[in-house]
Amino acid sequence: MSDARSGLSRILAELAEAGPQAEPVLIGAHRKAQGVLLSIEAYESLTERAARSEAAESATGSLAAEGLRPTAASDQDAAAYVRGTLSAEEMAARALARHRPETRRSAG
């Protein structure tokens, strides 16, 4: 703990410089980890991912409450959304496109 206290300015500067690629810094007493220092980018990424995961789980729970199950494609989209590689808007557009009935044009 005293090492962290004495080097806190240096540790924070290193975290800020490395940004999202910064390795977490474990801190504690008597060689036992009790906490973690992260770059702000890493922290924001973790909390955003947790929020996306919670939203996806809630949507899956809503489907289950209605007696429905997501398709494999929906599961893949949800996983991409949780990873942050697919936005909520893109996920919704894909779901609508998958489940929208095809419209047929009449001749004439």
PDB file of N, CA and C in Angstrom:
ATOM      1  N   MET A   1       0.829  -1.183   0.000  1.00  0.00           N
ATOM      2  CA  MET A   1       0.000   0.000   0.000  1.00  0.00           C
ATOM      3  C   MET A   1       0.875   1.249   0.000  1.00  0.00           C
ATOM      4  N   SER A   2       1.958   1.222   0.779  1.00  0.00           N
ATOM      5  CA  SER A   2       2.823   2.396   0.826  1.00  0.00           C
ATOM      6  C   SER A   2       3.496   2.629  -0.516  1.00  0.00           C
ATOM      7  N   ASP A   3       3.777   1.531  -1.274  1.00  0.00           N
ATOM      8  CA  ASP A   3       4.339   1.690  -2.612  1.00  0.00           C
ATOM      9  C   ASP A   3       3.353   2.424  -3.514  1.00  0.00           C
ATOM     10  N   ALA A   4       2.084   2.043  -3.439  1.00  0.00           N
ATOM     11  CA  ALA A   4       1.064   2.689  -4.264  1.00  0.00           C
ATOM     12  C   ALA A   4       0.911   4.154  -3.874  1.00  0.00           C
ATOM     13  N   ARG A   5       0.911   4.418  -2.579  1.00  0.00           N
ATOM     14  CA  ARG A   5       0.752   5.790  -2.108  1.00  0.00           C
ATOM     15  C   ARG A   5       1.904   6.671  -2.586  1.00  0.00           C
ATOM     16  N   SER A   6       3.116   6.159  -2.455  1.00  0.00           N
ATOM     17  CA  SER A   6       4.273   6.967  -2.839  1.00  0.00           C
ATOM     18  C   SER A   6       4.378   7.115  -4.351  1.00  0.00           C
ATOM     19  N   GLY A   7       3.883   6.138  -5.104  1.00  0.00           N
ATOM     20  CA  GLY A   7       3.985   6.208  -6.557  1.00  0.00           C
ATOM     21  C   GLY A   7       2.681   6.506  -7.254  1.00  0.00           C
ATOM     22  N   LEU A   8       1.687   6.995  -6.522  1.00  0.00           N
ATOM     23  CA  LEU A   8       0.364   7.191  -7.107  1.00  0.00           C
ATOM     24  C   LEU A   8       0.378   8.131  -8.300  1.00  0.00           C
ATOM     25  N   SER A   9       1.103   9.218  -8.206  1.00  0.00           N
ATOM     26  CA  SER A   9       1.163  10.161  -9.334  1.00  0.00           C
ATOM     27  C   SER A   9       1.716   9.483 -10.574  1.00  0.00           C
ATOM     28  N   ARG A  10       2.780   8.708 -10.396  1.00  0.00           N
ATOM     29  CA  ARG A  10       3.391   8.006 -11.525  1.00  0.00           C
ATOM     30  C   ARG A  10       2.423   6.956 -12.080  1.00  0.00           C
ATOM     31  N   ILE A  11       1.767   6.201 -11.202  1.00  0.00           N
ATOM     32  CA  ILE A  11       0.819   5.167 -11.635  1.00  0.00           C
ATOM     33  C   ILE A  11      -0.324   5.795 -12.431  1.00  0.00           C
ATOM     34  N   LEU A  12      -0.880   6.882 -11.923  1.00  0.00           N
ATOM     35  CA  LEU A  12      -1.986   7.548 -12.619  1.00  0.00           C
ATOM     36  C   LEU A  12      -1.539   8.093 -13.965  1.00  0.00           C
ATOM     37  N   ALA A  13      -0.332   8.636 -14.025  1.00  0.00           N
ATOM     38  CA  ALA A  13       0.189   9.147 -15.297  1.00  0.00           C
ATOM     39  C   ALA A  13       0.347   8.015 -16.303  1.00  0.00           C
ATOM     40  N   GLU A  14       0.842   6.858 -15.841  1.00  0.00           N
ATOM     41  CA  GLU A  14       0.996   5.707 -16.732  1.00  0.00           C
ATOM     42  C   GLU A  14      -0.355   5.194 -17.221  1.00  0.00           C
ATOM     43  N   LEU A  15      -1.345   5.156 -16.339  1.00  0.00           N
ATOM     44  CA  LEU A  15      -2.688   4.729 -16.741  1.00  0.00           C
ATOM     45  C   LEU A  15      -3.262   5.685 -17.780  1.00  0.00           C
ATOM     46  N   ALA A  16      -3.095   6.977 -17.540  1.00  0.00           N
ATOM     47  CA  ALA A  16      -3.623   7.980 -18.478  1.00  0.00           C
ATOM     48  C   ALA A  16      -2.926   7.876 -19.827  1.00  0.00           C
ATOM     49  N   GLU A  17      -1.628   7.660 -19.809  1.00  0.00           N
ATOM     50  CA  GLU A  17      -0.868   7.573 -21.062  1.00  0.00           C
ATOM     51  C   GLU A  17      -1.243   6.341 -21.869  1.00  0.00           C
ATOM     52  N   ALA A  18      -1.414   5.221 -21.194  1.00  0.00           N
ATOM     53  CA  ALA A  18      -1.735   3.970 -21.885  1.00  0.00           C
ATOM     54  C   ALA A  18      -3.203   3.895 -22.297  1.00  0.00           C
ATOM     55  N   GLY A  19      -4.060   4.648 -21.631  1.00  0.00           N
ATOM     56  CA  GLY A  19      -5.480   4.680 -21.985  1.00  0.00           C
ATOM     57  C   GLY A  19      -6.135   3.323 -21.864  1.00  0.00           C
ATOM     58  N   PRO A  20      -6.948   2.940 -22.865  1.00  0.00           N
ATOM     59  CA  PRO A  20      -7.691   1.682 -22.757  1.00  0.00           C
ATOM     60  C   PRO A  20      -6.794   0.442 -22.785  1.00  0.00           C
ATOM     61  N   GLN A  21      -5.544   0.585 -23.239  1.00  0.00           N
ATOM     62  CA  GLN A  21      -4.632  -0.560 -23.268  1.00  0.00           C
ATOM     63  C   GLN A  21      -3.862  -0.730 -21.961  1.00  0.00           C
ATOM     64  N   ALA A  22      -4.086   0.149 -20.989  1.00  0.00           N
ATOM     65  CA  ALA A  22      -3.363   0.076 -19.717  1.00  0.00           C
ATOM     66  C   ALA A  22      -3.706  -1.207 -18.976  1.00  0.00           C
ATOM     67  N   GLU A  23      -2.688  -1.836 -18.435  1.00  0.00           N
ATOM     68  CA  GLU A  23      -2.894  -3.008 -17.598  1.00  0.00           C
ATOM     69  C   GLU A  23      -3.446  -2.559 -16.254  1.00  0.00           C
ATOM     70  N   PRO A  24      -4.406  -3.287 -15.675  1.00  0.00           N
ATOM     71  CA  PRO A  24      -4.907  -2.933 -14.345  1.00  0.00           C
ATOM     72  C   PRO A  24      -3.780  -3.010 -13.316  1.00  0.00           C
ATOM     73  N   VAL A  25      -3.837  -2.143 -12.320  1.00  0.00           N
ATOM     74  CA  VAL A  25      -2.846  -2.129 -11.246  1.00  0.00           C
ATOM     75  C   VAL A  25      -3.538  -2.611  -9.974  1.00  0.00           C
ATOM     76  N   LEU A  26      -3.077  -3.741  -9.445  1.00  0.00           N
ATOM     77  CA  LEU A  26      -3.641  -4.282  -8.214  1.00  0.00           C
ATOM     78  C   LEU A  26      -2.978  -3.590  -7.021  1.00  0.00           C
ATOM     79  N   ILE A  27      -3.793  -3.220  -6.041  1.00  0.00           N
ATOM     80  CA  ILE A  27      -3.253  -2.596  -4.831  1.00  0.00           C
ATOM     81  C   ILE A  27      -3.807  -3.321  -3.614  1.00  0.00           C
ATOM     82  N   GLY A  28      -3.051  -3.312  -2.548  1.00  0.00           N
ATOM     83  CA  GLY A  28      -3.500  -3.964  -1.332  1.00  0.00           C
ATOM     84  C   GLY A  28      -2.439  -3.904  -0.263  1.00  0.00           C
ATOM     85  N   ALA A  29      -2.675  -4.614   0.798  1.00  0.00           N
ATOM     86  CA  ALA A  29      -1.745  -4.647   1.911  1.00  0.00           C
ATOM     87  C   ALA A  29      -1.248  -6.076   2.100  1.00  0.00           C
ATOM     88  N   HIS A  30      -0.047  -6.192   2.581  1.00  0.00           N
ATOM     89  CA  HIS A  30       0.549  -7.492   2.890  1.00  0.00           C
ATOM     90  C   HIS A  30       0.520  -8.429   1.685  1.00  0.00           C
ATOM     91  N   ARG A  31       0.801  -7.882   0.515  1.00  0.00           N
ATOM     92  CA  ARG A  31       0.874  -8.658  -0.735  1.00  0.00           C
ATOM     93  C   ARG A  31      -0.445  -9.335  -1.109  1.00  0.00           C
ATOM     94  N   LYS A  32      -1.539  -8.814  -0.595  1.00  0.00           N
ATOM     95  CA  LYS A  32      -2.856  -9.352  -0.926  1.00  0.00           C
ATOM     96  C   LYS A  32      -3.641  -8.268  -1.668  1.00  0.00           C
ATOM     97  N   ALA A  33      -4.073  -8.572  -2.882  1.00  0.00           N
ATOM     98  CA  ALA A  33      -4.820  -7.599  -3.682  1.00  0.00           C
ATOM     99  C   ALA A  33      -6.147  -7.274  -3.006  1.00  0.00           C
ATOM    100  N   GLN A  34      -6.434  -5.978  -2.878  1.00  0.00           N
ATOM    101  CA  GLN A  34      -7.685  -5.530  -2.269  1.00  0.00           C
ATOM    102  C   GLN A  34      -8.431  -4.543  -3.152  1.00  0.00           C
ATOM    103  N   GLY A  35      -7.787  -4.106  -4.191  1.00  0.00           N
ATOM    104  CA  GLY A  35      -8.416  -3.151  -5.089  1.00  0.00           C
ATOM    105  C   GLY A  35      -7.678  -3.109  -6.411  1.00  0.00           C
ATOM    106  N   VAL A  36      -8.260  -2.382  -7.357  1.00  0.00           N
ATOM    107  CA  VAL A  36      -7.701  -2.289  -8.701  1.00  0.00           C
ATOM    108  C   VAL A  36      -7.775  -0.848  -9.169  1.00  0.00           C
ATOM    109  N   LEU A  37      -6.707  -0.377  -9.790  1.00  0.00           N
ATOM    110  CA  LEU A  37      -6.718   0.915 -10.466  1.00  0.00           C
ATOM    111  C   LEU A  37      -6.783   0.648 -11.966  1.00  0.00           C
ATOM    112  N   LEU A  38      -7.687   1.330 -12.640  1.00  0.00           N
ATOM    113  CA  LEU A  38      -7.859   1.197 -14.086  1.00  0.00           C
ATOM    114  C   LEU A  38      -7.765   2.573 -14.726  1.00  0.00           C
ATOM    115  N   SER A  39      -7.438   2.588 -16.011  1.00  0.00           N
ATOM    116  CA  SER A  39      -7.556   3.849 -16.739  1.00  0.00           C
ATOM    117  C   SER A  39      -9.039   4.189 -16.820  1.00  0.00           C
ATOM    118  N   ILE A  40      -9.350   5.455 -16.982  1.00  0.00           N
ATOM    119  CA  ILE A  40     -10.756   5.860 -17.068  1.00  0.00           C
ATOM    120  C   ILE A  40     -11.411   5.219 -18.287  1.00  0.00           C
ATOM    121  N   GLU A  41     -10.655   5.059 -19.369  1.00  0.00           N
ATOM    122  CA  GLU A  41     -11.214   4.432 -20.575  1.00  0.00           C
ATOM    123  C   GLU A  41     -11.579   2.973 -20.312  1.00  0.00           C
ATOM    124  N   ALA A  42     -10.714   2.254 -19.588  1.00  0.00           N
ATOM    125  CA  ALA A  42     -11.003   0.857 -19.273  1.00  0.00           C
ATOM    126  C   ALA A  42     -12.221   0.758 -18.359  1.00  0.00           C
ATOM    127  N   TYR A  43     -12.302   1.650 -17.383  1.00  0.00           N
ATOM    128  CA  TYR A  43     -13.449   1.656 -16.474  1.00  0.00           C
ATOM    129  C   TYR A  43     -14.745   1.924 -17.243  1.00  0.00           C
ATOM    130  N   GLU A  44     -14.731   2.944 -18.106  1.00  0.00           N
ATOM    131  CA  GLU A  44     -15.929   3.275 -18.881  1.00  0.00           C
ATOM    132  C   GLU A  44     -16.324   2.120 -19.796  1.00  0.00           C
ATOM    133  N   SER A  45     -15.346   1.460 -20.381  1.00  0.00           N
ATOM    134  CA  SER A  45     -15.626   0.316 -21.236  1.00  0.00           C
ATOM    135  C   SER A  45     -16.296  -0.805 -20.449  1.00  0.00           C
ATOM    136  N   LEU A  46     -15.781  -1.081 -19.257  1.00  0.00           N
ATOM    137  CA  LEU A  46     -16.374  -2.128 -18.413  1.00  0.00           C
ATOM    138  C   LEU A  46     -17.800  -1.787 -18.003  1.00  0.00           C
ATOM    139  N   THR A  47     -18.037  -0.544 -17.597  1.00  0.00           N
ATOM    140  CA  THR A  47     -19.384  -0.186 -17.141  1.00  0.00           C
ATOM    141  C   THR A  47     -20.366  -0.135 -18.304  1.00  0.00           C
ATOM    142  N   GLU A  48     -19.901   0.320 -19.475  1.00  0.00           N
ATOM    143  CA  GLU A  48     -20.782   0.337 -20.644  1.00  0.00           C
ATOM    144  C   GLU A  48     -21.127  -1.086 -21.066  1.00  0.00           C
ATOM    145  N   ARG A  49     -20.134  -1.969 -21.042  1.00  0.00           N
ATOM    146  CA  ARG A  49     -20.385  -3.358 -21.416  1.00  0.00           C
ATOM    147  C   ARG A  49     -21.359  -4.006 -20.435  1.00  0.00           C
ATOM    148  N   ALA A  50     -21.203  -3.712 -19.150  1.00  0.00           N
ATOM    149  CA  ALA A  50     -22.115  -4.267 -18.146  1.00  0.00           C
ATOM    150  C   ALA A  50     -23.540  -3.778 -18.382  1.00  0.00           C
ATOM    151  N   ALA A  51     -23.686  -2.509 -18.734  1.00  0.00           N
ATOM    152  CA  ALA A  51     -25.024  -1.963 -19.004  1.00  0.00           C
ATOM    153  C   ALA A  51     -25.633  -2.611 -20.245  1.00  0.00           C
ATOM    154  N   ARG A  52     -24.817  -2.805 -21.301  1.00  0.00           N
ATOM    155  CA  ARG A  52     -25.330  -3.465 -22.511  1.00  0.00           C
ATOM    156  C   ARG A  52     -25.715  -4.906 -22.215  1.00  0.00           C
ATOM    157  N   SER A  53     -24.921  -5.593 -21.396  1.00  0.00           N
ATOM    158  CA  SER A  53     -25.224  -6.974 -21.038  1.00  0.00           C
ATOM    159  C   SER A  53     -26.531  -7.052 -20.261  1.00  0.00           C
ATOM    160  N   GLU A  54     -26.719  -6.130 -19.334  1.00  0.00           N
ATOM    161  CA  GLU A  54     -27.961  -6.099 -18.556  1.00  0.00           C
ATOM    162  C   GLU A  54     -29.168  -5.846 -19.457  1.00  0.00           C
ATOM    163  N   ALA A  55     -29.024  -4.948 -20.431  1.00  0.00           N
ATOM    164  CA  ALA A  55     -30.120  -4.660 -21.360  1.00  0.00           C
ATOM    165  C   ALA A  55     -30.453  -5.886 -22.205  1.00  0.00           C
ATOM    166  N   ALA A  56     -29.426  -6.584 -22.679  1.00  0.00           N
ATOM    167  CA  ALA A  56     -29.655  -7.783 -23.490  1.00  0.00           C
ATOM    168  C   ALA A  56     -30.330  -8.874 -22.664  1.00  0.00           C
ATOM    169  N   GLU A  57     -29.887  -9.054 -21.426  1.00  0.00           N
ATOM    170  CA  GLU A  57     -30.513 -10.052 -20.550  1.00  0.00           C
ATOM    171  C   GLU A  57     -31.965  -9.691 -20.251  1.00  0.00           C
ATOM    172  N   SER A  58     -32.242  -8.422 -20.095  1.00  0.00           N
ATOM    173  CA  SER A  58     -33.607  -7.978 -19.843  1.00  0.00           C
ATOM    174  C   SER A  58     -34.504  -8.272 -21.047  1.00  0.00           C
ATOM    175  N   ALA A  59     -33.980  -8.013 -22.239  1.00  0.00           N
ATOM    176  CA  ALA A  59     -34.758  -8.278 -23.454  1.00  0.00           C
ATOM    177  C   ALA A  59     -35.029  -9.778 -23.596  1.00  0.00           C
ATOM    178  N   THR A  60     -34.022 -10.594 -23.306  1.00  0.00           N
ATOM    179  CA  THR A  60     -34.207 -12.045 -23.375  1.00  0.00           C
ATOM    180  C   THR A  60     -35.228 -12.491 -22.334  1.00  0.00           C
ATOM    181  N   GLY A  61     -35.185 -11.894 -21.154  1.00  0.00           N
ATOM    182  CA  GLY A  61     -36.156 -12.211 -20.112  1.00  0.00           C
ATOM    183  C   GLY A  61     -37.569 -11.827 -20.526  1.00  0.00           C
ATOM    184  N   SER A  62     -37.707 -10.708 -21.215  1.00  0.00           N
ATOM    185  CA  SER A  62     -39.027 -10.284 -21.699  1.00  0.00           C
ATOM    186  C   SER A  62     -39.575 -11.271 -22.713  1.00  0.00           C
ATOM    187  N   LEU A  63     -38.693 -11.750 -23.596  1.00  0.00           N
ATOM    188  CA  LEU A  63     -39.134 -12.763 -24.564  1.00  0.00           C
ATOM    189  C   LEU A  63     -39.600 -14.023 -23.846  1.00  0.00           C
ATOM    190  N   ALA A  64     -38.829 -14.454 -22.874  1.00  0.00           N
ATOM    191  CA  ALA A  64     -39.178 -15.669 -22.135  1.00  0.00           C
ATOM    192  C   ALA A  64     -40.499 -15.500 -21.406  1.00  0.00           C
ATOM    193  N   ALA A  65     -40.746 -14.323 -20.870  1.00  0.00           N
ATOM    194  CA  ALA A  65     -42.004 -14.068 -20.163  1.00  0.00           C
ATOM    195  C   ALA A  65     -43.196 -14.170 -21.110  1.00  0.00           C
ATOM    196  N   GLU A  66     -42.956 -13.922 -22.385  1.00  0.00           N
ATOM    197  CA  GLU A  66     -44.015 -14.023 -23.392  1.00  0.00           C
ATOM    198  C   GLU A  66     -44.079 -15.424 -24.000  1.00  0.00           C
ATOM    199  N   GLY A  67     -43.229 -16.324 -23.506  1.00  0.00           N
ATOM    200  CA  GLY A  67     -43.212 -17.682 -24.036  1.00  0.00           C
ATOM    201  C   GLY A  67     -42.455 -17.800 -25.346  1.00  0.00           C
ATOM    202  N   LEU A  68     -41.578 -16.840 -25.626  1.00  0.00           N
ATOM    203  CA  LEU A  68     -40.815 -16.829 -26.877  1.00  0.00           C
ATOM    204  C   LEU A  68     -39.341 -17.086 -26.597  1.00  0.00           C
ATOM    205  N   ARG A  69     -38.628 -17.494 -27.641  1.00  0.00           N
ATOM    206  CA  ARG A  69     -37.184 -17.685 -27.535  1.00  0.00           C
ATOM    207  C   ARG A  69     -36.510 -16.937 -28.662  1.00  0.00           C
ATOM    208  N   PRO A  70     -35.346 -16.342 -28.403  1.00  0.00           N
ATOM    209  CA  PRO A  70     -34.643 -15.638 -29.481  1.00  0.00           C
ATOM    210  C   PRO A  70     -34.078 -16.632 -30.495  1.00  0.00           C
ATOM    211  N   THR A  71     -33.969 -16.184 -31.722  1.00  0.00           N
ATOM    212  CA  THR A  71     -33.363 -17.015 -32.765  1.00  0.00           C
ATOM    213  C   THR A  71     -31.850 -16.994 -32.592  1.00  0.00           C
ATOM    214  N   ALA A  72     -31.168 -17.890 -33.302  1.00  0.00           N
ATOM    215  CA  ALA A  72     -29.701 -17.917 -33.254  1.00  0.00           C
ATOM    216  C   ALA A  72     -29.138 -16.586 -33.758  1.00  0.00           C
ATOM    217  N   ALA A  73     -29.767 -16.033 -34.798  1.00  0.00           N
ATOM    218  CA  ALA A  73     -29.304 -14.750 -35.329  1.00  0.00           C
ATOM    219  C   ALA A  73     -29.489 -13.640 -34.296  1.00  0.00           C
ATOM    220  N   SER A  74     -30.589 -13.683 -33.558  1.00  0.00           N
ATOM    221  CA  SER A  74     -30.825 -12.691 -32.510  1.00  0.00           C
ATOM    222  C   SER A  74     -29.791 -12.829 -31.393  1.00  0.00           C
ATOM    223  N   ASP A  75     -29.467 -14.071 -31.037  1.00  0.00           N
ATOM    224  CA  ASP A  75     -28.436 -14.304 -30.020  1.00  0.00           C
ATOM    225  C   ASP A  75     -27.088 -13.747 -30.476  1.00  0.00           C
ATOM    226  N   GLN A  76     -26.760 -13.946 -31.749  1.00  0.00           N
ATOM    227  CA  GLN A  76     -25.495 -13.418 -32.284  1.00  0.00           C
ATOM    228  C   GLN A  76     -25.492 -11.898 -32.257  1.00  0.00           C
ATOM    229  N   ASP A  77     -26.615 -11.284 -32.618  1.00  0.00           N
ATOM    230  CA  ASP A  77     -26.714  -9.819 -32.582  1.00  0.00           C
ATOM    231  C   ASP A  77     -26.589  -9.308 -31.149  1.00  0.00           C
ATOM    232  N   ALA A  78     -27.212 -10.002 -30.205  1.00  0.00           N
ATOM    233  CA  ALA A  78     -27.129  -9.584 -28.807  1.00  0.00           C
ATOM    234  C   ALA A  78     -25.689  -9.662 -28.311  1.00  0.00           C
ATOM    235  N   ALA A  79     -24.981 -10.717 -28.688  1.00  0.00           N
ATOM    236  CA  ALA A  79     -23.575 -10.854 -28.281  1.00  0.00           C
ATOM    237  C   ALA A  79     -22.731  -9.722 -28.880  1.00  0.00           C
ATOM    238  N   ALA A  80     -22.995  -9.371 -30.134  1.00  0.00           N
ATOM    239  CA  ALA A  80     -22.261  -8.266 -30.769  1.00  0.00           C
ATOM    240  C   ALA A  80     -22.595  -6.946 -30.089  1.00  0.00           C
ATOM    241  N   TYR A  81     -23.835  -6.777 -29.688  1.00  0.00           N
ATOM    242  CA  TYR A  81     -24.247  -5.569 -28.974  1.00  0.00           C
ATOM    243  C   TYR A  81     -23.521  -5.474 -27.630  1.00  0.00           C
ATOM    244  N   VAL A  82     -23.451  -6.574 -26.903  1.00  0.00           N
ATOM    245  CA  VAL A  82     -22.771  -6.573 -25.605  1.00  0.00           C
ATOM    246  C   VAL A  82     -21.287  -6.250 -25.796  1.00  0.00           C
ATOM    247  N   ARG A  83     -20.666  -6.790 -26.837  1.00  0.00           N
ATOM    248  CA  ARG A  83     -19.252  -6.494 -27.121  1.00  0.00           C
ATOM    249  C   ARG A  83     -19.044  -5.046 -27.541  1.00  0.00           C
ATOM    250  N   GLY A  84     -20.116  -4.398 -28.002  1.00  0.00           N
ATOM    251  CA  GLY A  84     -19.997  -3.015 -28.454  1.00  0.00           C
ATOM    252  C   GLY A  84     -19.720  -2.880 -29.937  1.00  0.00           C
ATOM    253  N   THR A  85     -19.854  -3.979 -30.686  1.00  0.00           N
ATOM    254  CA  THR A  85     -19.605  -3.930 -32.122  1.00  0.00           C
ATOM    255  C   THR A  85     -20.875  -3.714 -32.928  1.00  0.00           C
ATOM    256  N   LEU A  86     -22.018  -3.643 -32.248  1.00  0.00           N
ATOM    257  CA  LEU A  86     -23.312  -3.423 -32.889  1.00  0.00           C
ATOM    258  C   LEU A  86     -24.109  -2.482 -32.005  1.00  0.00           C
ATOM    259  N   SER A  87     -24.642  -1.431 -32.593  1.00  0.00           N
ATOM    260  CA  SER A  87     -25.426  -0.473 -31.801  1.00  0.00           C
ATOM    261  C   SER A  87     -26.834  -1.005 -31.574  1.00  0.00           C
ATOM    262  N   ALA A  88     -27.524  -0.415 -30.621  1.00  0.00           N
ATOM    263  CA  ALA A  88     -28.909  -0.806 -30.346  1.00  0.00           C
ATOM    264  C   ALA A  88     -29.780  -0.564 -31.576  1.00  0.00           C
ATOM    265  N   GLU A  89     -29.527   0.529 -32.270  1.00  0.00           N
ATOM    266  CA  GLU A  89     -30.308   0.844 -33.470  1.00  0.00           C
ATOM    267  C   GLU A  89     -30.083  -0.193 -34.558  1.00  0.00           C
ATOM    268  N   GLU A  90     -28.809  -0.612 -34.749  1.00  0.00           N
ATOM    269  CA  GLU A  90     -28.508  -1.630 -35.752  1.00  0.00           C
ATOM    270  C   GLU A  90     -29.141  -2.967 -35.373  1.00  0.00           C
ATOM    271  N   MET A  91     -29.102  -3.297 -34.096  1.00  0.00           N
ATOM    272  CA  MET A  91     -29.684  -4.547 -33.634  1.00  0.00           C
ATOM    273  C   MET A  91     -31.193  -4.548 -33.873  1.00  0.00           C
ATOM    274  N   ALA A  92     -31.852  -3.438 -33.555  1.00  0.00           N
ATOM    275  CA  ALA A  92     -33.297  -3.336 -33.770  1.00  0.00           C
ATOM    276  C   ALA A  92     -33.634  -3.431 -35.256  1.00  0.00           C
ATOM    277  N   ALA A  93     -32.848  -2.766 -36.102  1.00  0.00           N
ATOM    278  CA  ALA A  93     -33.098  -2.807 -37.548  1.00  0.00           C
ATOM    279  C   ALA A  93     -32.953  -4.227 -38.083  1.00  0.00           C
ATOM    280  N   ARG A  94     -31.953  -4.949 -37.597  1.00  0.00           N
ATOM    281  CA  ARG A  94     -31.774  -6.340 -38.029  1.00  0.00           C
ATOM    282  C   ARG A  94     -32.946  -7.206 -37.590  1.00  0.00           C
ATOM    283  N   ALA A  95     -33.403  -7.012 -36.371  1.00  0.00           N
ATOM    284  CA  ALA A  95     -34.534  -7.808 -35.871  1.00  0.00           C
ATOM    285  C   ALA A  95     -35.781  -7.522 -36.691  1.00  0.00           C
ATOM    286  N   LEU A  96     -36.033  -6.259 -36.964  1.00  0.00           N
ATOM    287  CA  LEU A  96     -37.201  -5.909 -37.772  1.00  0.00           C
ATOM    288  C   LEU A  96     -37.105  -6.504 -39.172  1.00  0.00           C
ATOM    289  N   ALA A  97     -35.932  -6.433 -39.773  1.00  0.00           N
ATOM    290  CA  ALA A  97     -35.747  -6.977 -41.120  1.00  0.00           C
ATOM    291  C   ALA A  97     -35.955  -8.498 -41.124  1.00  0.00           C
ATOM    292  N   ARG A  98     -35.505  -9.170 -40.063  1.00  0.00           N
ATOM    293  CA  ARG A  98     -35.668 -10.624 -39.991  1.00  0.00           C
ATOM    294  C   ARG A  98     -37.116 -11.036 -39.833  1.00  0.00           C
ATOM    295  N   HIS A  99     -37.884 -10.246 -39.124  1.00  0.00           N
ATOM    296  CA  HIS A  99     -39.240 -10.667 -38.761  1.00  0.00           C
ATOM    297  C   HIS A  99     -40.349  -9.919 -39.491  1.00  0.00           C
ATOM    298  N   ARG A 100     -39.982  -8.990 -40.341  1.00  0.00           N
ATOM    299  CA  ARG A 100     -40.984  -8.255 -41.115  1.00  0.00           C
ATOM    300  C   ARG A 100     -41.483  -9.144 -42.240  1.00  0.00           C
ATOM    301  N   PRO A 101     -42.793  -9.278 -42.376  1.00  0.00           N
ATOM    302  CA  PRO A 101     -43.317 -10.095 -43.474  1.00  0.00           C
ATOM    303  C   PRO A 101     -42.974  -9.445 -44.814  1.00  0.00           C
ATOM    304  N   GLU A 102     -42.675 -10.296 -45.766  1.00  0.00           N
ATOM    305  CA  GLU A 102     -42.376  -9.774 -47.101  1.00  0.00           C
ATOM    306  C   GLU A 102     -43.660  -9.230 -47.710  1.00  0.00           C
ATOM    307  N   THR A 103     -43.560  -8.062 -48.289  1.00  0.00           N
ATOM    308  CA  THR A 103     -44.714  -7.486 -48.985  1.00  0.00           C
ATOM    309  C   THR A 103     -44.651  -7.880 -50.449  1.00  0.00           C
ATOM    310  N   ARG A 104     -45.771  -8.245 -50.965  1.00  0.00           N
ATOM    311  CA  ARG A 104     -45.837  -8.656 -52.375  1.00  0.00           C
ATOM    312  C   ARG A 104     -46.515  -7.546 -53.156  1.00  0.00           C
ATOM    313  N   ARG A 105     -45.919  -7.259 -54.262  1.00  0.00           N
ATOM    314  CA  ARG A 105     -46.514  -6.239 -55.137  1.00  0.00           C
ATOM    315  C   ARG A 105     -47.474  -6.914 -56.088  1.00  0.00           C
ATOM    316  N   SER A 106     -48.615  -6.315 -56.235  1.00  0.00           N
ATOM    317  CA  SER A 106     -49.594  -6.879 -57.168  1.00  0.00           C
ATOM    318  C   SER A 106     -49.368  -6.288 -58.534  1.00  0.00           C
ATOM    319  N   ALA A 107     -49.621  -7.086 -59.560  1.00  0.00           N
ATOM    320  CA  ALA A 107     -49.474  -6.606 -60.936  1.00  0.00           C
ATOM    321  C   ALA A 107     -50.614  -5.683 -61.275  1.00  0.00           C
ATOM    322  N   GLY A 108     -50.273  -4.671 -61.957  1.00  0.00           N
ATOM    323  CA  GLY A 108     -51.357  -3.825 -62.411  1.00  0.00           C
ATOM    324  C   GLY A 108     -51.135  -2.476 -62.059  1.00  0.00           C
TER     325      GLY A 108
END
